[in-house]
């Protein structure tokens, strides 16, 4: 090493001296021509008080820390707050704190977000391990109040509704079809090949005239299947069952056929299961059975729920 520089000054200490004097006794900067190095022969001992390290290590621009960092990196230690790593300005600061008796990670900048990213190509991304502790494995808080928890053993609870956007769908506007040609409703979900899904479709519908009927199938998307089954029942305004020409299906394009629809609201419930053979969209389609000049309506609020089931 070419020398030891006293922080806050320009004085250097010649290698080989046995006594270091001057500067702050809690800060020593080791600088070897702009590169931080190590010197096995250096010993710094404090016997009268606690050694506090603060802003003592600076990595110059040419040093990769970690990887190809183009800005200066810094490491700070303070016994009251813990360890702070600055890698490229305040945006990417990482702060490890131990105050209040608990460890935490915070954004160093007020209002800054914290992002945890797994290693590129790693088999797993970010792991949260509760170890042998019997408390919650994970606790998400809103201003100090838990709103989502994963308890010891895996039970997940939420203080509010949990929206599963990929599998819980509802019409936000009436669907209409004036023809006997199938068309897609907005009830659509993306499925993954090889998974086993169960689903429920709840459709509030009517037709004018009733004799035009109602057909439903599930061939509106790109998904292909190795297994598919669906079965339906329907009721009128007073709960009486509606007649079906076909109430079951084992193929996406096989129509579930209500023989006679109603001019007033009826309810059709369809239960089913599907195992995709390729990734793709799963879409509910509908049409009139015959085109007699009427309009088939599936009312706003009709819904489709799809659940990713564990095959046994």
C-alpha atoms as a PDB file:
ATOM      1  CA  UNK A   1       0.000   0.000   0.000  1.00  0.00           C
ATOM      2  CA  UNK A   2       1.270   3.470  -0.816  1.00  0.00           C
ATOM      3  CA  UNK A   3       0.099   5.179   2.341  1.00  0.00           C
ATOM      4  CA  UNK A   4      -2.541   5.823   4.967  1.00  0.00           C
ATOM      5  CA  UNK A   5      -4.556   9.007   4.682  1.00  0.00           C
ATOM      6  CA  UNK A   6      -6.101  10.788   7.648  1.00  0.00           C
ATOM      7  CA  UNK A   7      -9.821  11.388   6.929  1.00  0.00           C
ATOM      8  CA  UNK A   8     -10.708  15.037   6.480  1.00  0.00           C
ATOM      9  CA  UNK A   9      -7.136  16.030   5.657  1.00  0.00           C
ATOM     10  CA  UNK A  10      -4.359  15.578   3.178  1.00  0.00           C
ATOM     11  CA  UNK A  11      -1.688  14.232   5.484  1.00  0.00           C
ATOM     12  CA  UNK A  12      -0.321  10.819   4.726  1.00  0.00           C
ATOM     13  CA  UNK A  13       1.431   8.434   7.060  1.00  0.00           C
ATOM     14  CA  UNK A  14       4.567   6.783   5.793  1.00  0.00           C
ATOM     15  CA  UNK A  15       4.613   3.015   5.686  1.00  0.00           C
ATOM     16  CA  UNK A  16       6.803   1.584   8.387  1.00  0.00           C
ATOM     17  CA  UNK A  17       5.946   4.052  11.151  1.00  0.00           C
ATOM     18  CA  UNK A  18       4.720   2.545  14.383  1.00  0.00           C
ATOM     19  CA  UNK A  19       2.501   5.370  15.655  1.00  0.00           C
ATOM     20  CA  UNK A  20      -0.510   6.970  13.915  1.00  0.00           C
ATOM     21  CA  UNK A  21      -1.425  10.413  15.217  1.00  0.00           C
ATOM     22  CA  UNK A  22      -3.790  13.148  14.103  1.00  0.00           C
ATOM     23  CA  UNK A  23      -7.277  13.024  12.606  1.00  0.00           C
ATOM     24  CA  UNK A  24     -10.301  11.481  14.249  1.00  0.00           C
ATOM     25  CA  UNK A  25      -9.472   8.417  16.251  1.00  0.00           C
ATOM     26  CA  UNK A  26     -12.709   6.713  15.127  1.00  0.00           C
ATOM     27  CA  UNK A  27     -11.965   6.955  11.410  1.00  0.00           C
ATOM     28  CA  UNK A  28      -9.093   5.545   9.375  1.00  0.00           C
ATOM     29  CA  UNK A  29      -9.099   5.419   5.578  1.00  0.00           C
ATOM     30  CA  UNK A  30      -6.938   2.823   3.875  1.00  0.00           C
ATOM     31  CA  UNK A  31      -6.153   3.992   0.350  1.00  0.00           C
ATOM     32  CA  UNK A  32      -3.813   2.291  -2.075  1.00  0.00           C
ATOM     33  CA  UNK A  33      -3.717   4.584  -5.127  1.00  0.00           C
ATOM     34  CA  UNK A  34      -7.492   4.697  -5.306  1.00  0.00           C
ATOM     35  CA  UNK A  35      -8.061   0.995  -4.590  1.00  0.00           C
ATOM     36  CA  UNK A  36      -9.161  -0.408  -1.266  1.00  0.00           C
ATOM     37  CA  UNK A  37      -6.951  -3.292  -0.221  1.00  0.00           C
ATOM     38  CA  UNK A  38      -5.924  -5.298   2.822  1.00  0.00           C
ATOM     39  CA  UNK A  39      -2.726  -5.279   4.833  1.00  0.00           C
ATOM     40  CA  UNK A  40      -2.179  -8.311   7.020  1.00  0.00           C
ATOM     41  CA  UNK A  41       0.591  -6.482   8.810  1.00  0.00           C
ATOM     42  CA  UNK A  42      -1.630  -3.650  10.045  1.00  0.00           C
ATOM     43  CA  UNK A  43      -3.009  -3.814  13.582  1.00  0.00           C
ATOM     44  CA  UNK A  44      -5.284  -1.168  15.044  1.00  0.00           C
ATOM     45  CA  UNK A  45      -6.205  -1.678  18.675  1.00  0.00           C
ATOM     46  CA  UNK A  46      -8.554   0.312  20.905  1.00  0.00           C
ATOM     47  CA  UNK A  47      -8.536  -0.506  24.582  1.00  0.00           C
ATOM     48  CA  UNK A  48     -10.079   2.592  26.149  1.00  0.00           C
ATOM     49  CA  UNK A  49     -13.393   2.835  24.343  1.00  0.00           C
ATOM     50  CA  UNK A  50     -15.584   1.205  21.698  1.00  0.00           C
ATOM     51  CA  UNK A  51     -14.440   1.502  18.111  1.00  0.00           C
ATOM     52  CA  UNK A  52     -17.180   3.076  15.953  1.00  0.00           C
ATOM     53  CA  UNK A  53     -16.902   2.680  12.207  1.00  0.00           C
ATOM     54  CA  UNK A  54     -18.619   5.398  10.190  1.00  0.00           C
ATOM     55  CA  UNK A  55     -18.132   6.066   6.483  1.00  0.00           C
ATOM     56  CA  UNK A  56     -14.739   4.421   6.464  1.00  0.00           C
ATOM     57  CA  UNK A  57     -14.866   2.380   3.264  1.00  0.00           C
ATOM     58  CA  UNK A  58     -15.136   3.941  -0.174  1.00  0.00           C
ATOM     59  CA  UNK A  59     -14.901   1.965  -3.398  1.00  0.00           C
ATOM     60  CA  UNK A  60     -13.653   4.065  -6.321  1.00  0.00           C
ATOM     61  CA  UNK A  61     -15.324   4.179  -9.717  1.00  0.00           C
ATOM     62  CA  UNK A  62     -13.004   1.576 -11.211  1.00  0.00           C
ATOM     63  CA  UNK A  63     -13.933  -1.041  -8.615  1.00  0.00           C
ATOM     64  CA  UNK A  64     -16.757  -3.425  -9.497  1.00  0.00           C
ATOM     65  CA  UNK A  65     -19.069  -3.597  -6.478  1.00  0.00           C
ATOM     66  CA  UNK A  66     -20.977  -5.751  -6.962  1.00  0.00           C
ATOM     67  CA  UNK A  67     -20.589  -6.595 -10.645  1.00  0.00           C
ATOM     68  CA  UNK A  68     -20.308  -3.651 -13.011  1.00  0.00           C
ATOM     69  CA  UNK A  69     -21.286  -0.716 -10.807  1.00  0.00           C
ATOM     70  CA  UNK A  70     -20.457   2.568 -12.506  1.00  0.00           C
ATOM     71  CA  UNK A  71     -20.913   4.754  -9.455  1.00  0.00           C
ATOM     72  CA  UNK A  72     -19.092   4.923  -6.132  1.00  0.00           C
ATOM     73  CA  UNK A  73     -20.096   2.328  -3.568  1.00  0.00           C
ATOM     74  CA  UNK A  74     -20.111   2.962   0.166  1.00  0.00           C
ATOM     75  CA  UNK A  75     -20.618   0.908   3.288  1.00  0.00           C
ATOM     76  CA  UNK A  76     -21.669   2.591   6.543  1.00  0.00           C
ATOM     77  CA  UNK A  77     -21.919   1.126  10.000  1.00  0.00           C
ATOM     78  CA  UNK A  78     -23.528   2.704  13.000  1.00  0.00           C
ATOM     79  CA  UNK A  79     -24.180   0.820  16.205  1.00  0.00           C
ATOM     80  CA  UNK A  80     -27.536   2.572  16.632  1.00  0.00           C
ATOM     81  CA  UNK A  81     -29.006   1.758  13.222  1.00  0.00           C
ATOM     82  CA  UNK A  82     -26.940  -1.030  11.746  1.00  0.00           C
ATOM     83  CA  UNK A  83     -25.431  -1.467   8.296  1.00  0.00           C
ATOM     84  CA  UNK A  84     -26.191   0.684   5.260  1.00  0.00           C
ATOM     85  CA  UNK A  85     -25.064  -0.230   1.756  1.00  0.00           C
ATOM     86  CA  UNK A  86     -25.045   2.503  -0.883  1.00  0.00           C
ATOM     87  CA  UNK A  87     -24.486   1.117  -4.348  1.00  0.00           C
ATOM     88  CA  UNK A  88     -25.508   3.797  -6.834  1.00  0.00           C
ATOM     89  CA  UNK A  89     -27.193   6.795  -5.292  1.00  0.00           C
ATOM     90  CA  UNK A  90     -30.230   6.978  -3.031  1.00  0.00           C
ATOM     91  CA  UNK A  91     -32.558   5.153  -5.449  1.00  0.00           C
ATOM     92  CA  UNK A  92     -30.871   1.802  -4.872  1.00  0.00           C
ATOM     93  CA  UNK A  93     -29.821   2.245  -1.256  1.00  0.00           C
ATOM     94  CA  UNK A  94     -30.276  -0.758   1.017  1.00  0.00           C
ATOM     95  CA  UNK A  95     -30.545  -0.255   4.746  1.00  0.00           C
ATOM     96  CA  UNK A  96     -30.245  -3.025   7.348  1.00  0.00           C
ATOM     97  CA  UNK A  97     -31.409  -1.785  10.714  1.00  0.00           C
ATOM     98  CA  UNK A  98     -31.471  -3.290  14.173  1.00  0.00           C
ATOM     99  CA  UNK A  99     -33.037  -0.495  16.188  1.00  0.00           C
ATOM    100  CA  UNK A 100     -36.084  -1.158  18.385  1.00  0.00           C
ATOM    101  CA  UNK A 101     -34.779  -4.669  18.978  1.00  0.00           C
ATOM    102  CA  UNK A 102     -35.769  -6.050  15.555  1.00  0.00           C
ATOM    103  CA  UNK A 103     -33.967  -6.406  12.238  1.00  0.00           C
ATOM    104  CA  UNK A 104     -35.510  -4.781   9.186  1.00  0.00           C
ATOM    105  CA  UNK A 105     -34.772  -3.650   5.654  1.00  0.00           C
ATOM    106  CA  UNK A 106     -35.791  -0.137   4.671  1.00  0.00           C
ATOM    107  CA  UNK A 107     -35.446   2.193   1.720  1.00  0.00           C
ATOM    108  CA  UNK A 108     -32.882   4.826   2.674  1.00  0.00           C
ATOM    109  CA  UNK A 109     -34.838   7.502   0.806  1.00  0.00           C
ATOM    110  CA  UNK A 110     -38.193   8.575   2.241  1.00  0.00           C
ATOM    111  CA  UNK A 111     -40.947   7.082   0.111  1.00  0.00           C
ATOM    112  CA  UNK A 112     -38.559   4.783  -1.733  1.00  0.00           C
ATOM    113  CA  UNK A 113     -39.755   1.307  -2.698  1.00  0.00           C
ATOM    114  CA  UNK A 114     -38.009  -1.925  -1.714  1.00  0.00           C
ATOM    115  CA  UNK A 115     -37.585  -4.600  -4.382  1.00  0.00           C
ATOM    116  CA  UNK A 116     -36.296  -8.101  -3.650  1.00  0.00           C
ATOM    117  CA  UNK A 117     -35.028  -9.859  -6.773  1.00  0.00           C
ATOM    118  CA  UNK A 118     -33.733 -13.414  -7.018  1.00  0.00           C
ATOM    119  CA  UNK A 119     -30.543 -14.315  -8.856  1.00  0.00           C
ATOM    120  CA  UNK A 120     -30.803 -14.639 -12.620  1.00  0.00           C
ATOM    121  CA  UNK A 121     -31.271 -18.279 -13.592  1.00  0.00           C
ATOM    122  CA  UNK A 122     -31.781 -19.406  -9.992  1.00  0.00           C
ATOM    123  CA  UNK A 123     -34.108 -22.356  -9.380  1.00  0.00           C
ATOM    124  CA  UNK A 124     -35.974 -20.232  -6.840  1.00  0.00           C
ATOM    125  CA  UNK A 125     -36.460 -16.491  -6.658  1.00  0.00           C
ATOM    126  CA  UNK A 126     -37.023 -14.984  -3.205  1.00  0.00           C
ATOM    127  CA  UNK A 127     -37.456 -17.337  -0.226  1.00  0.00           C
ATOM    128  CA  UNK A 128     -39.105 -16.342   3.048  1.00  0.00           C
ATOM    129  CA  UNK A 129     -38.291 -18.964   5.660  1.00  0.00           C
ATOM    130  CA  UNK A 130     -39.870 -18.821   9.107  1.00  0.00           C
ATOM    131  CA  UNK A 131     -37.435 -21.427  10.406  1.00  0.00           C
ATOM    132  CA  UNK A 132     -38.450 -23.080  13.667  1.00  0.00           C
ATOM    133  CA  UNK A 133     -40.292 -20.008  14.952  1.00  0.00           C
ATOM    134  CA  UNK A 134     -43.935 -20.612  15.863  1.00  0.00           C
ATOM    135  CA  UNK A 135     -45.069 -17.115  14.905  1.00  0.00           C
ATOM    136  CA  UNK A 136     -46.231 -15.997  11.464  1.00  0.00           C
ATOM    137  CA  UNK A 137     -43.976 -16.923   8.560  1.00  0.00           C
ATOM    138  CA  UNK A 138     -45.046 -13.755   6.757  1.00  0.00           C
ATOM    139  CA  UNK A 139     -46.952 -10.723   7.972  1.00  0.00           C
ATOM    140  CA  UNK A 140     -47.894  -7.860   5.649  1.00  0.00           C
ATOM    141  CA  UNK A 141     -48.896  -4.712   7.516  1.00  0.00           C
ATOM    142  CA  UNK A 142     -50.725  -1.522   6.602  1.00  0.00           C
ATOM    143  CA  UNK A 143     -49.480   1.250   8.872  1.00  0.00           C
ATOM    144  CA  UNK A 144     -48.639  -1.282  11.569  1.00  0.00           C
ATOM    145  CA  UNK A 145     -51.839  -3.355  11.288  1.00  0.00           C
ATOM    146  CA  UNK A 146     -51.549  -6.875   9.821  1.00  0.00           C
ATOM    147  CA  UNK A 147     -53.640  -7.233   6.638  1.00  0.00           C
ATOM    148  CA  UNK A 148     -52.195 -10.460   5.201  1.00  0.00           C
ATOM    149  CA  UNK A 149     -50.499 -13.267   7.127  1.00  0.00           C
ATOM    150  CA  UNK A 150     -49.059 -16.693   6.465  1.00  0.00           C
ATOM    151  CA  UNK A 151     -49.166 -18.435   9.820  1.00  0.00           C
ATOM    152  CA  UNK A 152     -46.883 -21.187  11.071  1.00  0.00           C
ATOM    153  CA  UNK A 153     -48.033 -24.266   9.165  1.00  0.00           C
ATOM    154  CA  UNK A 154     -49.131 -22.315   6.081  1.00  0.00           C
ATOM    155  CA  UNK A 155     -52.613 -20.976   6.887  1.00  0.00           C
ATOM    156  CA  UNK A 156     -53.079 -17.709   4.939  1.00  0.00           C
ATOM    157  CA  UNK A 157     -55.526 -15.091   6.201  1.00  0.00           C
ATOM    158  CA  UNK A 158     -56.471 -11.666   4.891  1.00  0.00           C
ATOM    159  CA  UNK A 159     -58.209  -8.763   6.565  1.00  0.00           C
ATOM    160  CA  UNK A 160     -59.999  -7.846   3.332  1.00  0.00           C
ATOM    161  CA  UNK A 161     -61.183  -9.561   0.150  1.00  0.00           C
ATOM    162  CA  UNK A 162     -58.573 -11.377  -1.950  1.00  0.00           C
ATOM    163  CA  UNK A 163     -59.113 -10.749  -5.663  1.00  0.00           C
ATOM    164  CA  UNK A 164     -57.831 -13.485  -7.959  1.00  0.00           C
ATOM    165  CA  UNK A 165     -57.848 -11.543 -11.195  1.00  0.00           C
ATOM    166  CA  UNK A 166     -56.847 -14.517 -13.336  1.00  0.00           C
ATOM    167  CA  UNK A 167     -59.648 -16.811 -12.166  1.00  0.00           C
ATOM    168  CA  UNK A 168     -62.554 -14.782 -10.738  1.00  0.00           C
ATOM    169  CA  UNK A 169     -64.276 -12.950 -13.569  1.00  0.00           C
ATOM    170  CA  UNK A 170     -67.591 -11.096 -13.971  1.00  0.00           C
ATOM    171  CA  UNK A 171     -69.287  -9.267 -16.827  1.00  0.00           C
ATOM    172  CA  UNK A 172     -69.230  -5.497 -16.449  1.00  0.00           C
ATOM    173  CA  UNK A 173     -71.827  -5.030 -19.203  1.00  0.00           C
ATOM    174  CA  UNK A 174     -74.641  -7.058 -20.763  1.00  0.00           C
ATOM    175  CA  UNK A 175     -73.614  -9.511 -23.493  1.00  0.00           C
ATOM    176  CA  UNK A 176     -76.048  -9.707 -26.423  1.00  0.00           C
ATOM    177  CA  UNK A 177     -76.328 -11.872 -29.547  1.00  0.00           C
ATOM    178  CA  UNK A 178     -79.025 -11.451 -32.208  1.00  0.00           C
ATOM    179  CA  UNK A 179     -77.970 -14.526 -34.202  1.00  0.00           C
ATOM    180  CA  UNK A 180     -77.534 -18.283 -34.043  1.00  0.00           C
ATOM    181  CA  UNK A 181     -73.774 -17.867 -34.589  1.00  0.00           C
ATOM    182  CA  UNK A 182     -71.535 -18.325 -31.529  1.00  0.00           C
ATOM    183  CA  UNK A 183     -69.618 -15.264 -30.283  1.00  0.00           C
ATOM    184  CA  UNK A 184     -67.308 -14.707 -27.336  1.00  0.00           C
ATOM    185  CA  UNK A 185     -68.446 -13.226 -24.067  1.00  0.00           C
ATOM    186  CA  UNK A 186     -65.920 -11.268 -21.984  1.00  0.00           C
ATOM    187  CA  UNK A 187     -65.588 -14.243 -19.617  1.00  0.00           C
ATOM    188  CA  UNK A 188     -62.053 -15.351 -20.523  1.00  0.00           C
ATOM    189  CA  UNK A 189     -59.140 -16.820 -18.538  1.00  0.00           C
ATOM    190  CA  UNK A 190     -55.620 -17.936 -19.466  1.00  0.00           C
ATOM    191  CA  UNK A 191     -54.828 -21.535 -18.489  1.00  0.00           C
ATOM    192  CA  UNK A 192     -51.535 -23.436 -18.234  1.00  0.00           C
ATOM    193  CA  UNK A 193     -50.859 -26.762 -19.915  1.00  0.00           C
ATOM    194  CA  UNK A 194     -51.045 -29.845 -17.690  1.00  0.00           C
ATOM    195  CA  UNK A 195     -52.785 -28.162 -14.759  1.00  0.00           C
ATOM    196  CA  UNK A 196     -56.147 -29.410 -13.473  1.00  0.00           C
ATOM    197  CA  UNK A 197     -58.821 -26.736 -13.163  1.00  0.00           C
ATOM    198  CA  UNK A 198     -62.372 -26.812 -11.865  1.00  0.00           C
ATOM    199  CA  UNK A 199     -64.785 -24.046 -12.829  1.00  0.00           C
ATOM    200  CA  UNK A 200     -68.261 -22.653 -12.210  1.00  0.00           C
ATOM    201  CA  UNK A 201     -70.136 -20.423 -14.659  1.00  0.00           C
ATOM    202  CA  UNK A 202     -73.155 -18.538 -13.324  1.00  0.00           C
ATOM    203  CA  UNK A 203     -75.145 -16.945 -16.169  1.00  0.00           C
ATOM    204  CA  UNK A 204     -78.220 -14.742 -15.759  1.00  0.00           C
ATOM    205  CA  UNK A 205     -79.940 -14.774 -19.156  1.00  0.00           C
ATOM    206  CA  UNK A 206     -83.104 -14.156 -21.169  1.00  0.00           C
ATOM    207  CA  UNK A 207     -84.220 -14.192 -24.814  1.00  0.00           C
ATOM    208  CA  UNK A 208     -86.968 -12.552 -26.852  1.00  0.00           C
ATOM    209  CA  UNK A 209     -88.743 -14.552 -27.935  1.00  0.00           C
ATOM    210  CA  UNK A 210     -88.207 -17.484 -25.575  1.00  0.00           C
ATOM    211  CA  UNK A 211     -88.436 -19.963 -28.445  1.00  0.00           C
ATOM    212  CA  UNK A 212     -85.057 -18.756 -29.805  1.00  0.00           C
ATOM    213  CA  UNK A 213     -83.407 -20.634 -26.940  1.00  0.00           C
ATOM    214  CA  UNK A 214     -79.825 -20.363 -25.677  1.00  0.00           C
ATOM    215  CA  UNK A 215     -76.595 -22.197 -26.509  1.00  0.00           C
ATOM    216  CA  UNK A 216     -73.370 -22.101 -24.457  1.00  0.00           C
ATOM    217  CA  UNK A 217     -69.973 -23.603 -25.219  1.00  0.00           C
ATOM    218  CA  UNK A 218     -66.320 -23.028 -24.218  1.00  0.00           C
ATOM    219  CA  UNK A 219     -64.521 -23.035 -27.579  1.00  0.00           C
ATOM    220  CA  UNK A 220     -63.954 -19.294 -27.864  1.00  0.00           C
ATOM    221  CA  UNK A 221     -60.279 -19.352 -26.890  1.00  0.00           C
ATOM    222  CA  UNK A 222     -56.991 -20.913 -27.960  1.00  0.00           C
ATOM    223  CA  UNK A 223     -56.690 -23.594 -25.264  1.00  0.00           C
ATOM    224  CA  UNK A 224     -56.661 -27.295 -26.228  1.00  0.00           C
ATOM    225  CA  UNK A 225     -57.479 -30.045 -23.757  1.00  0.00           C
ATOM    226  CA  UNK A 226     -56.707 -33.605 -22.720  1.00  0.00           C
ATOM    227  CA  UNK A 227     -59.783 -33.701 -20.489  1.00  0.00           C
ATOM    228  CA  UNK A 228     -62.938 -31.606 -20.326  1.00  0.00           C
ATOM    229  CA  UNK A 229     -66.315 -32.103 -18.695  1.00  0.00           C
ATOM    230  CA  UNK A 230     -69.207 -29.735 -17.989  1.00  0.00           C
ATOM    231  CA  UNK A 231     -72.762 -30.132 -16.721  1.00  0.00           C
ATOM    232  CA  UNK A 232     -75.504 -27.525 -16.417  1.00  0.00           C
ATOM    233  CA  UNK A 233     -78.866 -26.865 -14.842  1.00  0.00           C
ATOM    234  CA  UNK A 234     -81.154 -23.839 -15.128  1.00  0.00           C
ATOM    235  CA  UNK A 235     -84.174 -22.379 -13.351  1.00  0.00           C
ATOM    236  CA  UNK A 236     -86.833 -19.779 -14.138  1.00  0.00           C
ATOM    237  CA  UNK A 237     -88.006 -16.856 -12.011  1.00  0.00           C
ATOM    238  CA  UNK A 238     -89.978 -19.101  -9.611  1.00  0.00           C
ATOM    239  CA  UNK A 239     -87.260 -21.756  -9.389  1.00  0.00           C
ATOM    240  CA  UNK A 240     -88.725 -24.301 -11.798  1.00  0.00           C
ATOM    241  CA  UNK A 241     -86.204 -26.210 -13.881  1.00  0.00           C
ATOM    242  CA  UNK A 242     -85.749 -25.335 -17.535  1.00  0.00           C
ATOM    243  CA  UNK A 243     -85.600 -28.134 -20.091  1.00  0.00           C
ATOM    244  CA  UNK A 244     -82.311 -28.939 -21.829  1.00  0.00           C
ATOM    245  CA  UNK A 245     -81.764 -30.674 -25.125  1.00  0.00           C
ATOM    246  CA  UNK A 246     -78.140 -31.175 -24.016  1.00  0.00           C
ATOM    247  CA  UNK A 247     -77.047 -30.392 -20.466  1.00  0.00           C
ATOM    248  CA  UNK A 248     -73.593 -31.977 -20.489  1.00  0.00           C
ATOM    249  CA  UNK A 249     -70.456 -31.689 -22.579  1.00  0.00           C
ATOM    250  CA  UNK A 250     -67.113 -33.492 -22.921  1.00  0.00           C
ATOM    251  CA  UNK A 251     -65.676 -31.210 -25.627  1.00  0.00           C
ATOM    252  CA  UNK A 252     -65.114 -27.463 -25.710  1.00  0.00           C
ATOM    253  CA  UNK A 253     -67.232 -27.008 -28.850  1.00  0.00           C
ATOM    254  CA  UNK A 254     -70.171 -29.194 -27.761  1.00  0.00           C
ATOM    255  CA  UNK A 255     -73.144 -26.927 -27.088  1.00  0.00           C
ATOM    256  CA  UNK A 256     -75.009 -26.875 -23.801  1.00  0.00           C
ATOM    257  CA  UNK A 257     -78.529 -26.412 -25.200  1.00  0.00           C
ATOM    258  CA  UNK A 258     -81.416 -24.818 -23.306  1.00  0.00           C
ATOM    259  CA  UNK A 259     -84.482 -25.839 -25.347  1.00  0.00           C
ATOM    260  CA  UNK A 260     -86.651 -22.906 -24.367  1.00  0.00           C
ATOM    261  CA  UNK A 261     -85.288 -19.685 -22.906  1.00  0.00           C
ATOM    262  CA  UNK A 262     -87.411 -17.099 -21.099  1.00  0.00           C
ATOM    263  CA  UNK A 263     -88.237 -13.486 -21.777  1.00  0.00           C
ATOM    264  CA  UNK A 264     -87.677 -12.856 -18.083  1.00  0.00           C
ATOM    265  CA  UNK A 265     -84.442 -13.594 -16.267  1.00  0.00           C
ATOM    266  CA  UNK A 266     -83.419 -17.223 -15.837  1.00  0.00           C
ATOM    267  CA  UNK A 267     -80.323 -18.649 -14.156  1.00  0.00           C
ATOM    268  CA  UNK A 268     -77.950 -21.237 -15.625  1.00  0.00           C
ATOM    269  CA  UNK A 269     -75.219 -22.833 -13.488  1.00  0.00           C
ATOM    270  CA  UNK A 270     -72.482 -24.829 -15.209  1.00  0.00           C
ATOM    271  CA  UNK A 271     -69.960 -26.913 -13.272  1.00  0.00           C
ATOM    272  CA  UNK A 272     -66.918 -28.287 -15.042  1.00  0.00           C
ATOM    273  CA  UNK A 273     -63.305 -29.397 -15.084  1.00  0.00           C
ATOM    274  CA  UNK A 274     -60.558 -28.935 -17.664  1.00  0.00           C
ATOM    275  CA  UNK A 275     -56.975 -30.158 -18.122  1.00  0.00           C
ATOM    276  CA  UNK A 276     -55.257 -28.153 -20.892  1.00  0.00           C
ATOM    277  CA  UNK A 277     -52.848 -29.847 -23.301  1.00  0.00           C
ATOM    278  CA  UNK A 278     -51.369 -26.470 -24.260  1.00  0.00           C
ATOM    279  CA  UNK A 279     -51.328 -23.003 -22.739  1.00  0.00           C
ATOM    280  CA  UNK A 280     -54.176 -20.856 -23.995  1.00  0.00           C
ATOM    281  CA  UNK A 281     -57.324 -18.855 -23.301  1.00  0.00           C
ATOM    282  CA  UNK A 282     -60.526 -20.453 -22.045  1.00  0.00           C
ATOM    283  CA  UNK A 283     -63.553 -18.417 -23.167  1.00  0.00           C
ATOM    284  CA  UNK A 284     -67.309 -18.765 -22.695  1.00  0.00           C
ATOM    285  CA  UNK A 285     -69.290 -18.399 -25.962  1.00  0.00           C
ATOM    286  CA  UNK A 286     -73.031 -17.992 -26.474  1.00  0.00           C
ATOM    287  CA  UNK A 287     -75.677 -17.708 -29.185  1.00  0.00           C
ATOM    288  CA  UNK A 288     -79.357 -18.190 -29.841  1.00  0.00           C
ATOM    289  CA  UNK A 289     -80.424 -21.722 -30.746  1.00  0.00           C
ATOM    290  CA  UNK A 290     -82.428 -20.375 -33.671  1.00  0.00           C
ATOM    291  CA  UNK A 291     -82.583 -16.883 -35.081  1.00  0.00           C
ATOM    292  CA  UNK A 292     -86.211 -15.898 -34.754  1.00  0.00           C
ATOM    293  CA  UNK A 293     -85.648 -12.168 -34.603  1.00  0.00           C
ATOM    294  CA  UNK A 294     -85.014 -12.032 -30.892  1.00  0.00           C
ATOM    295  CA  UNK A 295     -81.980 -11.041 -28.800  1.00  0.00           C
ATOM    296  CA  UNK A 296     -80.164 -13.298 -26.367  1.00  0.00           C
ATOM    297  CA  UNK A 297     -78.920 -11.364 -23.333  1.00  0.00           C
ATOM    298  CA  UNK A 298     -76.513 -12.553 -20.660  1.00  0.00           C
ATOM    299  CA  UNK A 299     -76.776  -9.923 -17.986  1.00  0.00           C
ATOM    300  CA  UNK A 300     -74.074  -7.871 -16.356  1.00  0.00           C
ATOM    301  CA  UNK A 301     -72.810  -9.543 -13.185  1.00  0.00           C
ATOM    302  CA  UNK A 302     -72.780 -13.059 -14.666  1.00  0.00           C
ATOM    303  CA  UNK A 303     -69.541 -14.677 -13.588  1.00  0.00           C
ATOM    304  CA  UNK A 304     -66.938 -17.380 -14.166  1.00  0.00           C
ATOM    305  CA  UNK A 305     -64.716 -18.732 -11.388  1.00  0.00           C
ATOM    306  CA  UNK A 306     -61.773 -21.020 -12.190  1.00  0.00           C
ATOM    307  CA  UNK A 307     -59.792 -22.830  -9.516  1.00  0.00           C
ATOM    308  CA  UNK A 308     -56.375 -24.459  -9.890  1.00  0.00           C
ATOM    309  CA  UNK A 309     -56.957 -27.838  -8.236  1.00  0.00           C
ATOM    310  CA  UNK A 310     -54.490 -30.423  -6.926  1.00  0.00           C
ATOM    311  CA  UNK A 311     -54.935 -33.648  -8.927  1.00  0.00           C
ATOM    312  CA  UNK A 312     -54.909 -36.749  -6.705  1.00  0.00           C
END
